């Protein structure tokens, strides 16, 4: 006999997503850590669009 619940369309329970605020996430960053080489190379490159810094 087949399981009566199979194919019933019930969705598995998933926890609600937490909303993060940008200020909170930036506050978690350790600004004393030096940039990695790949990020430093990218930052040293010339701007190609309408970047505003």
PDB file of N, CA and C in Angstrom:
ATOM      1  N   UNK A   1       0.839  -1.167   0.000  1.00  0.00           N
ATOM      2  CA  UNK A   1       0.000   0.000   0.000  1.00  0.00           C
ATOM      3  C   UNK A   1       0.892   1.241   0.000  1.00  0.00           C
ATOM      4  N   UNK A   2       0.563   2.232  -0.790  1.00  0.00           N
ATOM      5  CA  UNK A   2       1.364   3.459  -0.920  1.00  0.00           C
ATOM      6  C   UNK A   2       1.152   4.363   0.281  1.00  0.00           C
ATOM      7  N   UNK A   3       2.169   5.142   0.569  1.00  0.00           N
ATOM      8  CA  UNK A   3       2.079   6.104   1.661  1.00  0.00           C
ATOM      9  C   UNK A   3       1.045   7.173   1.297  1.00  0.00           C
ATOM     10  N   UNK A   4       0.089   7.392   2.166  1.00  0.00           N
ATOM     11  CA  UNK A   4      -0.995   8.331   1.895  1.00  0.00           C
ATOM     12  C   UNK A   4      -0.496   9.771   1.832  1.00  0.00           C
ATOM     13  N   UNK A   5       0.639  10.076   2.463  1.00  0.00           N
ATOM     14  CA  UNK A   5       1.137  11.447   2.477  1.00  0.00           C
ATOM     15  C   UNK A   5       1.961  11.769   1.233  1.00  0.00           C
ATOM     16  N   UNK A   6       2.410  10.783   0.529  1.00  0.00           N
ATOM     17  CA  UNK A   6       3.242  11.033  -0.645  1.00  0.00           C
ATOM     18  C   UNK A   6       2.443  11.796  -1.691  1.00  0.00           C
ATOM     19  N   UNK A   7       3.026  12.861  -2.214  1.00  0.00           N
ATOM     20  CA  UNK A   7       2.368  13.621  -3.264  1.00  0.00           C
ATOM     21  C   UNK A   7       1.251  14.508  -2.758  1.00  0.00           C
ATOM     22  N   UNK A   8       1.167  14.728  -1.454  1.00  0.00           N
ATOM     23  CA  UNK A   8       0.078  15.539  -0.922  1.00  0.00           C
ATOM     24  C   UNK A   8       0.312  17.028  -1.143  1.00  0.00           C
ATOM     25  N   UNK A   9       1.507  17.398  -1.606  1.00  0.00           N
ATOM     26  CA  UNK A   9       1.803  18.802  -1.857  1.00  0.00           C
ATOM     27  C   UNK A   9       2.244  19.558  -0.622  1.00  0.00           C
ATOM     28  N   UNK A  10       2.448  18.862   0.486  1.00  0.00           N
ATOM     29  CA  UNK A  10       2.880  19.526   1.711  1.00  0.00           C
ATOM     30  C   UNK A  10       4.306  20.029   1.548  1.00  0.00           C
ATOM     31  N   UNK A  11       4.561  21.241   2.003  1.00  0.00           N
ATOM     32  CA  UNK A  11       5.881  21.836   1.930  1.00  0.00           C
ATOM     33  C   UNK A  11       6.646  21.555   3.213  1.00  0.00           C
ATOM     34  N   UNK A  12       7.954  21.309   3.111  1.00  0.00           N
ATOM     35  CA  UNK A  12       8.740  21.108   4.333  1.00  0.00           C
ATOM     36  C   UNK A  12       8.830  22.420   5.109  1.00  0.00           C
ATOM     37  N   UNK A  13       8.983  22.315   6.409  1.00  0.00           N
ATOM     38  CA  UNK A  13       9.079  23.501   7.252  1.00  0.00           C
ATOM     39  C   UNK A  13      10.448  24.149   7.063  1.00  0.00           C
ATOM     40  N   UNK A  14      10.463  25.430   6.760  1.00  0.00           N
ATOM     41  CA  UNK A  14      11.717  26.172   6.657  1.00  0.00           C
ATOM     42  C   UNK A  14      11.651  27.353   7.612  1.00  0.00           C
ATOM     43  N   UNK A  15      12.731  27.616   8.325  1.00  0.00           N
ATOM     44  CA  UNK A  15      12.713  28.740   9.268  1.00  0.00           C
ATOM     45  C   UNK A  15      12.614  30.071   8.538  1.00  0.00           C
ATOM     46  N   UNK A  16      12.037  31.063   9.193  1.00  0.00           N
ATOM     47  CA  UNK A  16      11.911  32.390   8.597  1.00  0.00           C
ATOM     48  C   UNK A  16      13.292  33.003   8.420  1.00  0.00           C
ATOM     49  N   UNK A  17      13.481  33.738   7.344  1.00  0.00           N
ATOM     50  CA  UNK A  17      14.759  34.397   7.095  1.00  0.00           C
ATOM     51  C   UNK A  17      14.869  35.640   7.966  1.00  0.00           C
ATOM     52  N   UNK A  18      16.059  35.860   8.488  1.00  0.00           N
ATOM     53  CA  UNK A  18      16.316  37.058   9.268  1.00  0.00           C
ATOM     54  C   UNK A  18      16.691  38.183   8.320  1.00  0.00           C
ATOM     55  N   UNK A  19      16.180  39.366   8.579  1.00  0.00           N
ATOM     56  CA  UNK A  19      16.545  40.523   7.779  1.00  0.00           C
ATOM     57  C   UNK A  19      17.728  41.200   8.442  1.00  0.00           C
ATOM     58  N   UNK A  20      18.762  41.432   7.659  1.00  0.00           N
ATOM     59  CA  UNK A  20      19.965  42.057   8.184  1.00  0.00           C
ATOM     60  C   UNK A  20      20.003  43.517   7.756  1.00  0.00           C
ATOM     61  N   UNK A  21      20.432  44.354   8.661  1.00  0.00           N
ATOM     62  CA  UNK A  21      20.621  45.755   8.335  1.00  0.00           C
ATOM     63  C   UNK A  21      22.056  45.964   7.899  1.00  0.00           C
ATOM     64  N   UNK A  22      22.255  46.796   6.886  1.00  0.00           N
ATOM     65  CA  UNK A  22      23.589  47.030   6.360  1.00  0.00           C
ATOM     66  C   UNK A  22      24.527  47.541   7.444  1.00  0.00           C
ATOM     67  N   UNK A  23      24.058  48.447   8.284  1.00  0.00           N
ATOM     68  CA  UNK A  23      24.900  48.976   9.354  1.00  0.00           C
ATOM     69  C   UNK A  23      25.373  47.867  10.289  1.00  0.00           C
ATOM     70  N   UNK A  24      24.504  46.929  10.569  1.00  0.00           N
ATOM     71  CA  UNK A  24      24.874  45.813  11.448  1.00  0.00           C
ATOM     72  C   UNK A  24      25.936  44.937  10.784  1.00  0.00           C
ATOM     73  N   UNK A  25      25.748  44.622   9.507  1.00  0.00           N
ATOM     74  CA  UNK A  25      26.697  43.770   8.798  1.00  0.00           C
ATOM     75  C   UNK A  25      28.055  44.452   8.661  1.00  0.00           C
ATOM     76  N   UNK A  26      28.063  45.752   8.383  1.00  0.00           N
ATOM     77  CA  UNK A  26      29.329  46.481   8.286  1.00  0.00           C
ATOM     78  C   UNK A  26      30.010  46.513   9.648  1.00  0.00           C
ATOM     79  N   UNK A  27      29.233  46.617  10.713  1.00  0.00           N
ATOM     80  CA  UNK A  27      29.787  46.618  12.056  1.00  0.00           C
ATOM     81  C   UNK A  27      30.471  45.315  12.416  1.00  0.00           C
ATOM     82  N   UNK A  28      30.125  44.233  11.739  1.00  0.00           N
ATOM     83  CA  UNK A  28      30.751  42.939  11.988  1.00  0.00           C
ATOM     84  C   UNK A  28      32.110  42.806  11.313  1.00  0.00           C
ATOM     85  N   UNK A  29      32.422  43.701  10.383  1.00  0.00           N
ATOM     86  CA  UNK A  29      33.678  43.634   9.640  1.00  0.00           C
ATOM     87  C   UNK A  29      34.850  44.062  10.512  1.00  0.00           C
ATOM     88  N   UNK A  30      35.970  43.403  10.317  1.00  0.00           N
ATOM     89  CA  UNK A  30      37.209  43.763  11.016  1.00  0.00           C
ATOM     90  C   UNK A  30      38.025  44.636  10.075  1.00  0.00           C
ATOM     91  N   UNK A  31      37.986  45.943  10.287  1.00  0.00           N
ATOM     92  CA  UNK A  31      38.652  46.871   9.381  1.00  0.00           C
ATOM     93  C   UNK A  31      40.164  46.911   9.568  1.00  0.00           C
ATOM     94  N   UNK A  32      40.682  46.219  10.585  1.00  0.00           N
ATOM     95  CA  UNK A  32      42.128  46.213  10.795  1.00  0.00           C
ATOM     96  C   UNK A  32      42.827  45.168   9.925  1.00  0.00           C
ATOM     97  N   UNK A  33      42.072  44.302   9.280  1.00  0.00           N
ATOM     98  CA  UNK A  33      42.645  43.258   8.425  1.00  0.00           C
ATOM     99  C   UNK A  33      43.024  43.885   7.080  1.00  0.00           C
ATOM    100  N   UNK A  34      44.257  43.655   6.598  1.00  0.00           N
ATOM    101  CA  UNK A  34      44.652  44.221   5.306  1.00  0.00           C
ATOM    102  C   UNK A  34      43.856  43.577   4.164  1.00  0.00           C
ATOM    103  N   UNK A  35      43.737  44.331   3.080  1.00  0.00           N
ATOM    104  CA  UNK A  35      43.021  43.809   1.911  1.00  0.00           C
ATOM    105  C   UNK A  35      43.773  42.630   1.315  1.00  0.00           C
ATOM    106  N   UNK A  36      43.034  41.683   0.767  1.00  0.00           N
ATOM    107  CA  UNK A  36      43.678  40.567   0.080  1.00  0.00           C
ATOM    108  C   UNK A  36      44.281  41.081  -1.228  1.00  0.00           C
ATOM    109  N   UNK A  37      45.213  40.328  -1.787  1.00  0.00           N
ATOM    110  CA  UNK A  37      45.919  40.756  -2.988  1.00  0.00           C
ATOM    111  C   UNK A  37      44.949  40.983  -4.145  1.00  0.00           C
ATOM    112  N   UNK A  38      43.995  40.096  -4.343  1.00  0.00           N
ATOM    113  CA  UNK A  38      43.077  40.243  -5.475  1.00  0.00           C
ATOM    114  C   UNK A  38      42.202  41.486  -5.338  1.00  0.00           C
ATOM    115  N   UNK A  39      41.777  41.813  -4.138  1.00  0.00           N
ATOM    116  CA  UNK A  39      40.974  43.018  -3.927  1.00  0.00           C
ATOM    117  C   UNK A  39      41.831  44.260  -4.124  1.00  0.00           C
ATOM    118  N   UNK A  40      43.069  44.238  -3.625  1.00  0.00           N
ATOM    119  CA  UNK A  40      43.975  45.376  -3.779  1.00  0.00           C
ATOM    120  C   UNK A  40      44.260  45.642  -5.259  1.00  0.00           C
ATOM    121  N   UNK A  41      44.464  44.599  -6.042  1.00  0.00           N
ATOM    122  CA  UNK A  41      44.718  44.749  -7.486  1.00  0.00           C
ATOM    123  C   UNK A  41      43.491  45.337  -8.163  1.00  0.00           C
ATOM    124  N   UNK A  42      42.323  44.859  -7.800  1.00  0.00           N
ATOM    125  CA  UNK A  42      41.091  45.375  -8.392  1.00  0.00           C
ATOM    126  C   UNK A  42      40.885  46.844  -8.036  1.00  0.00           C
ATOM    127  N   UNK A  43      41.143  47.210  -6.800  1.00  0.00           N
ATOM    128  CA  UNK A  43      40.989  48.599  -6.369  1.00  0.00           C
ATOM    129  C   UNK A  43      41.987  49.529  -7.042  1.00  0.00           C
ATOM    130  N   UNK A  44      43.185  49.017  -7.389  1.00  0.00           N
ATOM    131  CA  UNK A  44      44.223  49.834  -8.007  1.00  0.00           C
ATOM    132  C   UNK A  44      43.953  50.079  -9.496  1.00  0.00           C
ATOM    133  N   UNK A  45      43.046  49.339 -10.087  1.00  0.00           N
ATOM    134  CA  UNK A  45      42.761  49.491 -11.510  1.00  0.00           C
ATOM    135  C   UNK A  45      42.034  50.784 -11.813  1.00  0.00           C
ATOM    136  N   UNK A  46      42.058  51.181 -13.069  1.00  0.00           N
ATOM    137  CA  UNK A  46      41.372  52.407 -13.460  1.00  0.00           C
ATOM    138  C   UNK A  46      39.864  52.172 -13.516  1.00  0.00           C
ATOM    139  N   UNK A  47      39.134  53.227 -13.310  1.00  0.00           N
ATOM    140  CA  UNK A  47      37.675  53.154 -13.356  1.00  0.00           C
ATOM    141  C   UNK A  47      37.222  53.081 -14.812  1.00  0.00           C
ATOM    142  N   UNK A  48      36.195  52.309 -15.084  1.00  0.00           N
ATOM    143  CA  UNK A  48      35.767  52.110 -16.462  1.00  0.00           C
ATOM    144  C   UNK A  48      34.341  52.593 -16.718  1.00  0.00           C
ATOM    145  N   UNK A  49      33.651  52.953 -15.690  1.00  0.00           N
ATOM    146  CA  UNK A  49      32.263  53.363 -15.872  1.00  0.00           C
ATOM    147  C   UNK A  49      31.968  54.638 -15.121  1.00  0.00           C
ATOM    148  N   UNK A  50      30.843  54.632 -14.461  1.00  0.00           N
ATOM    149  CA  UNK A  50      30.429  55.813 -13.702  1.00  0.00           C
ATOM    150  C   UNK A  50      30.542  55.582 -12.214  1.00  0.00           C
ATOM    151  N   UNK A  51      31.613  54.922 -11.799  1.00  0.00           N
ATOM    152  CA  UNK A  51      31.808  54.661 -10.385  1.00  0.00           C
ATOM    153  C   UNK A  51      31.961  55.980  -9.637  1.00  0.00           C
ATOM    154  N   UNK A  52      31.311  56.054  -8.503  1.00  0.00           N
ATOM    155  CA  UNK A  52      31.395  57.242  -7.685  1.00  0.00           C
ATOM    156  C   UNK A  52      31.986  56.832  -6.360  1.00  0.00           C
ATOM    157  N   UNK A  53      33.149  57.337  -6.032  1.00  0.00           N
ATOM    158  CA  UNK A  53      33.809  56.992  -4.773  1.00  0.00           C
ATOM    159  C   UNK A  53      34.139  58.196  -4.009  1.00  0.00           C
TER     160      UNK A  53
END
